[in-house]
Structures are given as structure tokens and as C-alpha cells.
Amino acid sequence: MSDGRIELHHQQIDEAAAMLRQQSALMHEMMEQTRTFLTQGLGHELHGEYADQGKAYSDILSAADNAMTDDVTKAAAALDEVHGLIRDSDRTAGSKFQLH
């Protein structure tokens, strides 16, 4: 509160959603780099049981990456939805009260 008025920081909520999406993209990129490294190793340097384990690990990374991306996408969408509700509430409240 400032001078008896409530101040909501909508920009910070928008920035939080954007940062969530940005960090998710960075994590996805890092997972892809790891999987690419494993795939290259599977073709040239990993043989036998090591190749099998490398492939299994790559599959686990892929599943985890997909799940993480889905979860972060849903979280960012929920944050956007809540922020929209807050903005709607602000508009409704603003139309009901007059500050003097």
C-alpha cells in the first residue's frame, strides 16, 4: 500500500510467467544437448551393455523433458489465467469505488 491505495504489480506477474517459459526453454535445450551427446556416443563410443544403458538413459531424459515441458506450460498458462482474473477483479472493483 502506498498513501492508502493498493498497488498491484501486474508487470511482475507477467515477468514471472515469461521467466518461467524462458527457463523451461533453456532446460529443454540442455536436455536436447545431453541427448544429442548420448546419441553420438551410442553410434561411436558406447558398445554392448553401455550402449543399452545409454539408450535407456536417453529415453528417460526424453520422457522427463516432455513431462517437464508439459508441466511448465500448464503452470505458465495457469499463472496467465490467474493474472487475467486479477485484472478483471481490479477493473470491477475500480468501477465500484471512487477515490477522492
C-alpha atoms as a PDB file:
ATOM      1  CA  MET A   1       0.000   0.000   0.000  1.00  0.00           C
ATOM      2  CA  SER A   2       1.090   3.486  -0.713  1.00  0.00           C
ATOM      3  CA  ASP A   3      -0.769   6.559   0.540  1.00  0.00           C
ATOM      4  CA  GLY A   4      -3.761   4.388   1.461  1.00  0.00           C
ATOM      5  CA  ARG A   5      -4.051   2.897  -2.031  1.00  0.00           C
ATOM      6  CA  ILE A   6      -3.496  -0.671  -3.060  1.00  0.00           C
ATOM      7  CA  GLU A   7      -0.951  -1.013  -5.829  1.00  0.00           C
ATOM      8  CA  LEU A   8      -0.847  -4.278  -7.742  1.00  0.00           C
ATOM      9  CA  HIS A   9       2.254  -5.093  -9.696  1.00  0.00           C
ATOM     10  CA  HIS A  10       0.889  -6.657 -12.852  1.00  0.00           C
ATOM     11  CA  GLN A  11       4.200  -6.308 -14.678  1.00  0.00           C
ATOM     12  CA  GLN A  12       5.884  -8.562 -12.103  1.00  0.00           C
ATOM     13  CA  ILE A  13       3.291 -11.271 -12.683  1.00  0.00           C
ATOM     14  CA  ASP A  14       3.790 -11.007 -16.446  1.00  0.00           C
ATOM     15  CA  GLU A  15       7.563 -11.156 -15.955  1.00  0.00           C
ATOM     16  CA  ALA A  16       7.239 -14.252 -13.746  1.00  0.00           C
ATOM     17  CA  ALA A  17       5.268 -16.082 -16.443  1.00  0.00           C
ATOM     18  CA  ALA A  18       7.772 -15.020 -19.115  1.00  0.00           C
ATOM     19  CA  MET A  19      10.711 -16.110 -16.959  1.00  0.00           C
ATOM     20  CA  LEU A  20       9.052 -19.467 -16.304  1.00  0.00           C
ATOM     21  CA  ARG A  21       8.713 -20.031 -20.041  1.00  0.00           C
ATOM     22  CA  GLN A  22      12.275 -18.828 -20.695  1.00  0.00           C
ATOM     23  CA  GLN A  23      13.801 -21.142 -18.090  1.00  0.00           C
ATOM     24  CA  SER A  24      11.735 -24.041 -19.404  1.00  0.00           C
ATOM     25  CA  ALA A  25      13.099 -23.431 -22.904  1.00  0.00           C
ATOM     26  CA  LEU A  26      16.649 -23.335 -21.508  1.00  0.00           C
ATOM     27  CA  MET A  27      16.159 -26.613 -19.633  1.00  0.00           C
ATOM     28  CA  HIS A  28      14.680 -28.185 -22.769  1.00  0.00           C
ATOM     29  CA  GLU A  29      17.682 -27.046 -24.802  1.00  0.00           C
ATOM     30  CA  MET A  30      20.094 -28.500 -22.232  1.00  0.00           C
ATOM     31  CA  MET A  31      18.211 -31.816 -22.240  1.00  0.00           C
ATOM     32  CA  GLU A  32      18.401 -31.888 -26.037  1.00  0.00           C
ATOM     33  CA  GLN A  33      22.155 -31.242 -25.920  1.00  0.00           C
ATOM     34  CA  THR A  34      22.593 -34.088 -23.442  1.00  0.00           C
ATOM     35  CA  ARG A  35      20.510 -36.436 -25.595  1.00  0.00           C
ATOM     36  CA  THR A  36      22.483 -35.432 -28.702  1.00  0.00           C
ATOM     37  CA  PHE A  37      25.733 -36.166 -26.868  1.00  0.00           C
ATOM     38  CA  LEU A  38      24.383 -39.575 -25.817  1.00  0.00           C
ATOM     39  CA  THR A  39      23.155 -40.371 -29.321  1.00  0.00           C
ATOM     40  CA  GLN A  40      26.551 -39.535 -30.781  1.00  0.00           C
ATOM     41  CA  GLY A  41      28.203 -41.734 -28.168  1.00  0.00           C
ATOM     42  CA  LEU A  42      25.811 -44.577 -28.905  1.00  0.00           C
ATOM     43  CA  GLY A  43      26.891 -44.546 -32.518  1.00  0.00           C
ATOM     44  CA  HIS A  44      30.636 -44.432 -31.958  1.00  0.00           C
ATOM     45  CA  GLU A  45      31.894 -44.942 -28.439  1.00  0.00           C
ATOM     46  CA  LEU A  46      29.349 -46.932 -26.443  1.00  0.00           C
ATOM     47  CA  HIS A  47      29.030 -50.638 -27.169  1.00  0.00           C
ATOM     48  CA  GLY A  48      27.209 -53.603 -25.698  1.00  0.00           C
ATOM     49  CA  GLU A  49      25.676 -53.046 -22.289  1.00  0.00           C
ATOM     50  CA  TYR A  50      26.926 -49.453 -22.215  1.00  0.00           C
ATOM     51  CA  ALA A  51      25.037 -48.723 -25.415  1.00  0.00           C
ATOM     52  CA  ASP A  52      21.891 -50.294 -23.964  1.00  0.00           C
ATOM     53  CA  GLN A  53      22.204 -48.241 -20.787  1.00  0.00           C
ATOM     54  CA  GLY A  54      22.923 -45.083 -22.786  1.00  0.00           C
ATOM     55  CA  LYS A  55      19.815 -45.650 -24.902  1.00  0.00           C
ATOM     56  CA  ALA A  56      17.698 -46.288 -21.789  1.00  0.00           C
ATOM     57  CA  TYR A  57      19.042 -43.100 -20.201  1.00  0.00           C
ATOM     58  CA  SER A  58      18.322 -41.121 -23.364  1.00  0.00           C
ATOM     59  CA  ASP A  59      14.747 -42.456 -23.373  1.00  0.00           C
ATOM     60  CA  ILE A  60      14.328 -41.464 -19.704  1.00  0.00           C
ATOM     61  CA  LEU A  61      15.649 -37.965 -20.461  1.00  0.00           C
ATOM     62  CA  SER A  62      13.223 -37.642 -23.354  1.00  0.00           C
ATOM     63  CA  ALA A  63      10.245 -38.671 -21.212  1.00  0.00           C
ATOM     64  CA  ALA A  64      11.324 -36.368 -18.374  1.00  0.00           C
ATOM     65  CA  ASP A  65      11.821 -33.479 -20.795  1.00  0.00           C
ATOM     66  CA  ASN A  66       8.365 -33.977 -22.286  1.00  0.00           C
ATOM     67  CA  ALA A  67       6.745 -34.181 -18.845  1.00  0.00           C
ATOM     68  CA  MET A  68       8.649 -31.126 -17.593  1.00  0.00           C
ATOM     69  CA  THR A  69       7.758 -29.093 -20.673  1.00  0.00           C
ATOM     70  CA  ASP A  70       4.087 -30.029 -20.320  1.00  0.00           C
ATOM     71  CA  ASP A  71       4.068 -29.170 -16.602  1.00  0.00           C
ATOM     72  CA  VAL A  72       5.791 -25.812 -17.087  1.00  0.00           C
ATOM     73  CA  THR A  73       3.487 -24.939 -19.981  1.00  0.00           C
ATOM     74  CA  LYS A  74       0.463 -25.715 -17.806  1.00  0.00           C
ATOM     75  CA  ALA A  75       1.910 -23.723 -14.882  1.00  0.00           C
ATOM     76  CA  ALA A  76       2.577 -20.677 -17.051  1.00  0.00           C
ATOM     77  CA  ALA A  77      -0.925 -20.908 -18.530  1.00  0.00           C
ATOM     78  CA  ALA A  78      -2.403 -21.125 -15.023  1.00  0.00           C
ATOM     79  CA  LEU A  79      -0.388 -18.072 -13.965  1.00  0.00           C
ATOM     80  CA  ASP A  80      -1.668 -16.186 -17.012  1.00  0.00           C
ATOM     81  CA  GLU A  81      -5.241 -17.240 -16.212  1.00  0.00           C
ATOM     82  CA  VAL A  82      -4.979 -16.169 -12.572  1.00  0.00           C
ATOM     83  CA  HIS A  83      -3.460 -12.873 -13.659  1.00  0.00           C
ATOM     84  CA  GLY A  84      -6.377 -12.347 -16.045  1.00  0.00           C
ATOM     85  CA  LEU A  85      -8.794 -12.955 -13.181  1.00  0.00           C
ATOM     86  CA  ILE A  86      -6.918 -10.462 -11.015  1.00  0.00           C
ATOM     87  CA  ARG A  87      -7.079  -7.853 -13.784  1.00  0.00           C
ATOM     88  CA  ASP A  88     -10.819  -8.475 -14.219  1.00  0.00           C
ATOM     89  CA  SER A  89     -11.319  -8.103 -10.473  1.00  0.00           C
ATOM     90  CA  ASP A  90      -9.325  -4.875 -10.478  1.00  0.00           C
ATOM     91  CA  ARG A  91     -11.494  -3.457 -13.258  1.00  0.00           C
ATOM     92  CA  THR A  92     -14.700  -4.482 -11.492  1.00  0.00           C
ATOM     93  CA  ALA A  93     -13.538  -3.070  -8.166  1.00  0.00           C
ATOM     94  CA  GLY A  94     -12.343   0.107  -9.842  1.00  0.00           C
ATOM     95  CA  SER A  95     -15.765   0.675 -11.331  1.00  0.00           C
ATOM     96  CA  LYS A  96     -17.436   0.307  -7.915  1.00  0.00           C
ATOM     97  CA  PHE A  97     -15.289   2.690  -5.900  1.00  0.00           C
ATOM     98  CA  GLN A  98     -14.306   6.271  -6.435  1.00  0.00           C
ATOM     99  CA  LEU A  99     -11.191   7.561  -4.707  1.00  0.00           C
ATOM    100  CA  HIS A 100     -11.400  11.157  -3.524  1.00  0.00           C
END
